[in-house]
Amino acid sequence: MPATPAEARQFLRRLREKTVRIVQEFAEGRINRRQFQEIYSHYQRQRQAIEQALIEMPGSGAWRAVAVEGRTTFLRQQHAARILSYAIYETASGVPLAEVGKFQVDTGLLVPMLSSFRSLTQEVFGAGMKRTEIEGGRWLCFIPGRHTTLIVIFSAEPAELQLQMLEDLHRDFETANAWALERGETGKLALVFTHLWALERPPDG
């Protein structure tokens, strides 16, 4: 059955609805910046190509060639931030309490950063969670607690909800281990690790 202009307009309406949804997902912190940019651009390219086809070849059904769905699933997966590795450090001493994955960051650089978290000077870091892009497009995320700091390496910029999840996990870690941490009993046998279910098996990277 030949494609009609009405079908094309219906597809464009659905495309606009998807565009609005992806904008909302980013605003809610459910996807990262790269995912948003790639998916949003994909929708805009589709819209432009369909509208151009309707002008140049009305009623021909040529617009169907670009009205392909399912591409965004690939874009989501391709640009999602994966946890490559993480470590938990005692903030005061810089001593690592746990490391998982290939934590390829110079520990000599980490200790001064941990000291900055301890002092909480606004000029250096300020309080709260921090993140920064490092070599290879990876992202380094610091999540400080009262006694310890969780440091996570992502394959790409993490989404806000990913960071909120990690902040909750680390807060729970410190609460669950408050007695041991306050007394300096930081051996692995003395601690319980709330991070394990989400972080214990990072992909090789």
C-alpha atoms as a PDB file:
ATOM      1  CA  MET A   1       0.000   0.000   0.000  1.00  0.00           C
ATOM      2  CA  PRO A   2       1.506   3.369  -0.967  1.00  0.00           C
ATOM      3  CA  ALA A   3       2.512   5.729   1.793  1.00  0.00           C
ATOM      4  CA  THR A   4       0.327   8.782   2.249  1.00  0.00           C
ATOM      5  CA  PRO A   5       1.206  12.291   3.465  1.00  0.00           C
ATOM      6  CA  ALA A   6      -1.093  11.647   6.428  1.00  0.00           C
ATOM      7  CA  GLU A   7       1.064   8.683   7.476  1.00  0.00           C
ATOM      8  CA  ALA A   8       4.172  10.834   7.197  1.00  0.00           C
ATOM      9  CA  ARG A   9       2.616  13.534   9.366  1.00  0.00           C
ATOM     10  CA  GLN A  10       1.633  10.903  11.919  1.00  0.00           C
ATOM     11  CA  PHE A  11       5.215   9.636  12.022  1.00  0.00           C
ATOM     12  CA  LEU A  12       6.476  13.197  12.468  1.00  0.00           C
ATOM     13  CA  ARG A  13       4.095  13.679  15.411  1.00  0.00           C
ATOM     14  CA  ARG A  14       5.442  10.492  17.031  1.00  0.00           C
ATOM     15  CA  LEU A  15       8.982  11.679  16.364  1.00  0.00           C
ATOM     16  CA  ARG A  16       8.243  14.981  18.084  1.00  0.00           C
ATOM     17  CA  GLU A  17       6.830  13.107  21.083  1.00  0.00           C
ATOM     18  CA  LYS A  18      10.019  11.033  21.282  1.00  0.00           C
ATOM     19  CA  THR A  19      12.103  14.208  21.086  1.00  0.00           C
ATOM     20  CA  VAL A  20      10.189  15.724  23.992  1.00  0.00           C
ATOM     21  CA  ARG A  21      10.669  12.516  26.008  1.00  0.00           C
ATOM     22  CA  ILE A  22      14.434  12.424  25.454  1.00  0.00           C
ATOM     23  CA  VAL A  23      14.717  16.062  26.535  1.00  0.00           C
ATOM     24  CA  GLN A  24      12.788  15.177  29.690  1.00  0.00           C
ATOM     25  CA  GLU A  25      14.978  12.120  30.350  1.00  0.00           C
ATOM     26  CA  PHE A  26      18.090  14.277  30.266  1.00  0.00           C
ATOM     27  CA  ALA A  27      16.485  16.927  32.468  1.00  0.00           C
ATOM     28  CA  GLU A  28      15.669  14.196  35.008  1.00  0.00           C
ATOM     29  CA  GLY A  29      19.249  12.880  34.960  1.00  0.00           C
ATOM     30  CA  ARG A  30      18.330   9.505  33.472  1.00  0.00           C
ATOM     31  CA  ILE A  31      20.778   9.706  30.546  1.00  0.00           C
ATOM     32  CA  ASN A  32      24.158  11.361  30.151  1.00  0.00           C
ATOM     33  CA  ARG A  33      25.069  14.309  27.936  1.00  0.00           C
ATOM     34  CA  ARG A  34      26.502  12.201  25.093  1.00  0.00           C
ATOM     35  CA  GLN A  35      23.444   9.931  24.982  1.00  0.00           C
ATOM     36  CA  PHE A  36      21.194  12.982  24.836  1.00  0.00           C
ATOM     37  CA  GLN A  37      23.177  14.694  22.097  1.00  0.00           C
ATOM     38  CA  GLU A  38      23.392  11.599  19.893  1.00  0.00           C
ATOM     39  CA  ILE A  39      19.727  10.618  20.241  1.00  0.00           C
ATOM     40  CA  TYR A  40      18.456  14.177  19.905  1.00  0.00           C
ATOM     41  CA  SER A  41      20.554  14.712  16.770  1.00  0.00           C
ATOM     42  CA  HIS A  42      19.275  11.416  15.345  1.00  0.00           C
ATOM     43  CA  TYR A  43      15.663  12.566  15.773  1.00  0.00           C
ATOM     44  CA  GLN A  44      16.399  15.940  14.193  1.00  0.00           C
ATOM     45  CA  ARG A  45      18.121  14.326  11.191  1.00  0.00           C
ATOM     46  CA  GLN A  46      15.095  12.054  10.714  1.00  0.00           C
ATOM     47  CA  ARG A  47      12.695  14.973  10.941  1.00  0.00           C
ATOM     48  CA  GLN A  48      14.660  17.070   8.455  1.00  0.00           C
ATOM     49  CA  ALA A  49      14.988  14.210   5.942  1.00  0.00           C
ATOM     50  CA  ILE A  50      11.281  13.326   6.113  1.00  0.00           C
ATOM     51  CA  GLU A  51      10.128  16.924   5.739  1.00  0.00           C
ATOM     52  CA  GLN A  52      12.487  17.401   2.794  1.00  0.00           C
ATOM     53  CA  ALA A  53      11.209  14.211   1.121  1.00  0.00           C
ATOM     54  CA  LEU A  54       7.614  15.367   1.518  1.00  0.00           C
ATOM     55  CA  ILE A  55       8.458  18.644  -0.211  1.00  0.00           C
ATOM     56  CA  GLU A  56      10.555  17.214  -3.032  1.00  0.00           C
ATOM     57  CA  MET A  57       8.646  13.954  -3.646  1.00  0.00           C
ATOM     58  CA  PRO A  58       5.162  14.309  -2.169  1.00  0.00           C
ATOM     59  CA  GLY A  59       3.139  11.103  -2.124  1.00  0.00           C
ATOM     60  CA  SER A  60       6.064   8.956  -3.234  1.00  0.00           C
ATOM     61  CA  GLY A  61       6.692   7.253   0.090  1.00  0.00           C
ATOM     62  CA  ALA A  62      10.388   8.132  -0.150  1.00  0.00           C
ATOM     63  CA  TRP A  63      10.231   9.393   3.456  1.00  0.00           C
ATOM     64  CA  ARG A  64       9.874   5.790   4.656  1.00  0.00           C
ATOM     65  CA  ALA A  65      13.562   5.184   3.927  1.00  0.00           C
ATOM     66  CA  VAL A  66      14.520   7.312   6.933  1.00  0.00           C
ATOM     67  CA  ALA A  67      11.518   6.478   9.114  1.00  0.00           C
ATOM     68  CA  VAL A  68      13.371   3.582  10.731  1.00  0.00           C
ATOM     69  CA  GLU A  69      12.842   2.982  14.415  1.00  0.00           C
ATOM     70  CA  GLY A  70      15.040   1.165  16.923  1.00  0.00           C
ATOM     71  CA  ARG A  71      18.269   3.057  16.274  1.00  0.00           C
ATOM     72  CA  THR A  72      18.038   4.895  19.585  1.00  0.00           C
ATOM     73  CA  THR A  73      18.412   1.663  21.570  1.00  0.00           C
ATOM     74  CA  PHE A  74      21.844   1.212  20.007  1.00  0.00           C
ATOM     75  CA  LEU A  75      22.766   4.854  20.700  1.00  0.00           C
ATOM     76  CA  ARG A  76      21.740   4.513  24.349  1.00  0.00           C
ATOM     77  CA  GLN A  77      23.886   1.440  24.813  1.00  0.00           C
ATOM     78  CA  GLN A  78      26.851   2.735  22.828  1.00  0.00           C
ATOM     79  CA  HIS A  79      27.164   5.964  24.822  1.00  0.00           C
ATOM     80  CA  ALA A  80      26.104   4.764  28.274  1.00  0.00           C
ATOM     81  CA  ALA A  81      28.633   5.307  31.068  1.00  0.00           C
ATOM     82  CA  ARG A  82      29.960   1.980  32.373  1.00  0.00           C
ATOM     83  CA  ILE A  83      31.812   1.622  35.646  1.00  0.00           C
ATOM     84  CA  LEU A  84      35.335   0.466  34.799  1.00  0.00           C
ATOM     85  CA  SER A  85      36.754   0.404  38.308  1.00  0.00           C
ATOM     86  CA  TYR A  86      36.408   1.891  41.760  1.00  0.00           C
ATOM     87  CA  ALA A  87      38.295   2.293  45.017  1.00  0.00           C
ATOM     88  CA  ILE A  88      37.436   3.286  48.569  1.00  0.00           C
ATOM     89  CA  TYR A  89      40.052   5.357  50.394  1.00  0.00           C
ATOM     90  CA  GLU A  90      40.327   6.421  54.003  1.00  0.00           C
ATOM     91  CA  THR A  91      40.171  10.173  53.520  1.00  0.00           C
ATOM     92  CA  ALA A  92      42.484  11.195  56.362  1.00  0.00           C
ATOM     93  CA  SER A  93      45.361   8.852  55.520  1.00  0.00           C
ATOM     94  CA  GLY A  94      44.832   8.136  51.829  1.00  0.00           C
ATOM     95  CA  VAL A  95      45.035   4.401  52.560  1.00  0.00           C
ATOM     96  CA  PRO A  96      42.973   2.268  50.135  1.00  0.00           C
ATOM     97  CA  LEU A  97      40.355   0.087  51.830  1.00  0.00           C
ATOM     98  CA  ALA A  98      39.175  -1.671  48.668  1.00  0.00           C
ATOM     99  CA  GLU A  99      39.880  -1.623  44.943  1.00  0.00           C
ATOM    100  CA  VAL A 100      37.906  -3.343  42.208  1.00  0.00           C
ATOM    101  CA  GLY A 101      38.814  -3.422  38.527  1.00  0.00           C
ATOM    102  CA  LYS A 102      41.867  -1.948  36.830  1.00  0.00           C
ATOM    103  CA  PHE A 103      42.191   1.266  38.792  1.00  0.00           C
ATOM    104  CA  GLN A 104      44.601   2.995  36.413  1.00  0.00           C
ATOM    105  CA  VAL A 105      45.025   6.336  38.152  1.00  0.00           C
ATOM    106  CA  ASP A 106      48.239   7.527  39.792  1.00  0.00           C
ATOM    107  CA  THR A 107      47.668   7.191  43.531  1.00  0.00           C
ATOM    108  CA  GLY A 108      50.229   9.967  44.029  1.00  0.00           C
ATOM    109  CA  LEU A 109      47.708  12.323  42.474  1.00  0.00           C
ATOM    110  CA  LEU A 110      44.784  10.960  44.455  1.00  0.00           C
ATOM    111  CA  VAL A 111      46.150  11.566  47.944  1.00  0.00           C
ATOM    112  CA  PRO A 112      46.325  15.387  47.543  1.00  0.00           C
ATOM    113  CA  MET A 113      42.781  15.297  46.177  1.00  0.00           C
ATOM    114  CA  LEU A 114      41.631  13.312  49.194  1.00  0.00           C
ATOM    115  CA  SER A 115      43.271  15.891  51.456  1.00  0.00           C
ATOM    116  CA  SER A 116      41.326  18.584  49.622  1.00  0.00           C
ATOM    117  CA  PHE A 117      38.094  16.780  50.431  1.00  0.00           C
ATOM    118  CA  ARG A 118      39.084  16.560  54.081  1.00  0.00           C
ATOM    119  CA  SER A 119      39.751  20.280  54.376  1.00  0.00           C
ATOM    120  CA  LEU A 120      36.655  21.102  52.304  1.00  0.00           C
ATOM    121  CA  THR A 121      38.165  24.382  51.162  1.00  0.00           C
ATOM    122  CA  GLN A 122      35.937  26.088  48.667  1.00  0.00           C
ATOM    123  CA  GLU A 123      38.968  27.370  46.756  1.00  0.00           C
ATOM    124  CA  VAL A 124      40.234  23.865  45.963  1.00  0.00           C
ATOM    125  CA  PHE A 125      37.261  21.542  45.663  1.00  0.00           C
ATOM    126  CA  GLY A 126      34.385  22.621  47.851  1.00  0.00           C
ATOM    127  CA  ALA A 127      32.121  20.145  49.589  1.00  0.00           C
ATOM    128  CA  GLY A 128      30.264  17.269  48.016  1.00  0.00           C
ATOM    129  CA  MET A 129      30.627  14.986  45.033  1.00  0.00           C
ATOM    130  CA  LYS A 130      33.016  15.973  42.247  1.00  0.00           C
ATOM    131  CA  ARG A 131      33.693  14.603  38.766  1.00  0.00           C
ATOM    132  CA  THR A 132      36.106  15.388  35.998  1.00  0.00           C
ATOM    133  CA  GLU A 133      37.034  14.048  32.579  1.00  0.00           C
ATOM    134  CA  ILE A 134      40.405  12.311  32.364  1.00  0.00           C
ATOM    135  CA  GLU A 135      42.447  10.798  29.536  1.00  0.00           C
ATOM    136  CA  GLY A 136      40.777   8.521  27.008  1.00  0.00           C
ATOM    137  CA  GLY A 137      37.334  10.093  27.442  1.00  0.00           C
ATOM    138  CA  ARG A 138      36.962   8.460  30.865  1.00  0.00           C
ATOM    139  CA  TRP A 139      35.452  10.237  33.857  1.00  0.00           C
ATOM    140  CA  LEU A 140      36.754  10.232  37.426  1.00  0.00           C
ATOM    141  CA  CYS A 141      34.170  10.687  40.173  1.00  0.00           C
ATOM    142  CA  PHE A 142      34.886  11.477  43.860  1.00  0.00           C
ATOM    143  CA  ILE A 143      32.160  10.807  46.428  1.00  0.00           C
ATOM    144  CA  PRO A 144      33.302  11.888  49.904  1.00  0.00           C
ATOM    145  CA  GLY A 145      31.886  10.633  53.164  1.00  0.00           C
ATOM    146  CA  ARG A 146      32.729  11.454  56.751  1.00  0.00           C
ATOM    147  CA  HIS A 147      35.585   8.943  56.958  1.00  0.00           C
ATOM    148  CA  THR A 148      36.113   7.622  53.439  1.00  0.00           C
ATOM    149  CA  THR A 149      35.969   8.639  49.808  1.00  0.00           C
ATOM    150  CA  LEU A 150      34.601   6.512  46.976  1.00  0.00           C
ATOM    151  CA  ILE A 151      36.444   7.050  43.697  1.00  0.00           C
ATOM    152  CA  VAL A 152      34.880   5.646  40.535  1.00  0.00           C
ATOM    153  CA  ILE A 153      36.186   5.559  36.973  1.00  0.00           C
ATOM    154  CA  PHE A 154      33.511   5.604  34.260  1.00  0.00           C
ATOM    155  CA  SER A 155      33.913   4.840  30.566  1.00  0.00           C
ATOM    156  CA  ALA A 156      32.057   8.091  29.757  1.00  0.00           C
ATOM    157  CA  GLU A 157      30.333  10.951  31.539  1.00  0.00           C
ATOM    158  CA  PRO A 158      27.835   9.400  33.980  1.00  0.00           C
ATOM    159  CA  ALA A 159      24.180  10.368  34.134  1.00  0.00           C
ATOM    160  CA  GLU A 160      22.990  12.244  37.203  1.00  0.00           C
ATOM    161  CA  LEU A 161      20.918   9.311  38.464  1.00  0.00           C
ATOM    162  CA  GLN A 162      23.978   7.039  38.272  1.00  0.00           C
ATOM    163  CA  LEU A 163      25.846   9.457  40.503  1.00  0.00           C
ATOM    164  CA  GLN A 164      22.941   9.721  42.923  1.00  0.00           C
ATOM    165  CA  MET A 165      22.874   5.934  43.213  1.00  0.00           C
ATOM    166  CA  LEU A 166      26.600   5.861  44.036  1.00  0.00           C
ATOM    167  CA  GLU A 167      26.184   8.646  46.577  1.00  0.00           C
ATOM    168  CA  ASP A 168      23.420   6.654  48.287  1.00  0.00           C
ATOM    169  CA  LEU A 169      25.537   3.479  48.265  1.00  0.00           C
ATOM    170  CA  HIS A 170      28.493   5.259  49.831  1.00  0.00           C
ATOM    171  CA  ARG A 171      26.346   6.961  52.456  1.00  0.00           C
ATOM    172  CA  ASP A 172      24.940   3.548  53.381  1.00  0.00           C
ATOM    173  CA  PHE A 173      28.488   2.119  53.516  1.00  0.00           C
ATOM    174  CA  GLU A 174      29.549   4.720  56.052  1.00  0.00           C
ATOM    175  CA  THR A 175      26.391   4.301  58.111  1.00  0.00           C
ATOM    176  CA  ALA A 176      26.688   0.514  58.191  1.00  0.00           C
ATOM    177  CA  ASN A 177      30.377   0.706  59.153  1.00  0.00           C
ATOM    178  CA  ALA A 178      30.240   3.716  61.471  1.00  0.00           C
ATOM    179  CA  TRP A 179      31.445   1.801  64.537  1.00  0.00           C
ATOM    180  CA  ALA A 180      34.460   0.289  62.753  1.00  0.00           C
ATOM    181  CA  LEU A 181      35.409   3.453  60.858  1.00  0.00           C
ATOM    182  CA  GLU A 182      35.333   5.631  63.961  1.00  0.00           C
ATOM    183  CA  ARG A 183      37.713   3.210  65.694  1.00  0.00           C
ATOM    184  CA  GLY A 184      40.016   2.821  62.724  1.00  0.00           C
ATOM    185  CA  GLU A 185      39.151  -0.853  62.231  1.00  0.00           C
ATOM    186  CA  THR A 186      39.269  -0.741  58.452  1.00  0.00           C
ATOM    187  CA  GLY A 187      40.311  -4.247  57.504  1.00  0.00           C
ATOM    188  CA  LYS A 188      38.123  -5.951  54.926  1.00  0.00           C
ATOM    189  CA  LEU A 189      36.905  -8.481  57.491  1.00  0.00           C
ATOM    190  CA  ALA A 190      35.695  -5.649  59.728  1.00  0.00           C
ATOM    191  CA  LEU A 191      33.695  -3.872  57.019  1.00  0.00           C
ATOM    192  CA  VAL A 192      30.595  -4.593  54.978  1.00  0.00           C
ATOM    193  CA  PHE A 193      30.564  -3.245  51.427  1.00  0.00           C
ATOM    194  CA  THR A 194      27.246  -1.888  50.194  1.00  0.00           C
ATOM    195  CA  HIS A 195      28.813  -1.186  46.793  1.00  0.00           C
ATOM    196  CA  LEU A 196      29.290  -4.830  45.865  1.00  0.00           C
ATOM    197  CA  TRP A 197      26.004  -5.615  44.149  1.00  0.00           C
ATOM    198  CA  ALA A 198      26.328  -2.705  41.720  1.00  0.00           C
ATOM    199  CA  LEU A 199      30.087  -2.444  41.340  1.00  0.00           C
ATOM    200  CA  GLU A 200      31.734  -5.777  42.081  1.00  0.00           C
ATOM    201  CA  ARG A 201      32.017  -6.937  38.465  1.00  0.00           C
ATOM    202  CA  PRO A 202      33.064  -3.996  36.283  1.00  0.00           C
ATOM    203  CA  PRO A 203      33.939  -4.776  32.677  1.00  0.00           C
ATOM    204  CA  ASP A 204      37.592  -4.946  31.710  1.00  0.00           C
ATOM    205  CA  GLY A 205      38.840  -1.615  30.476  1.00  0.00           C
END
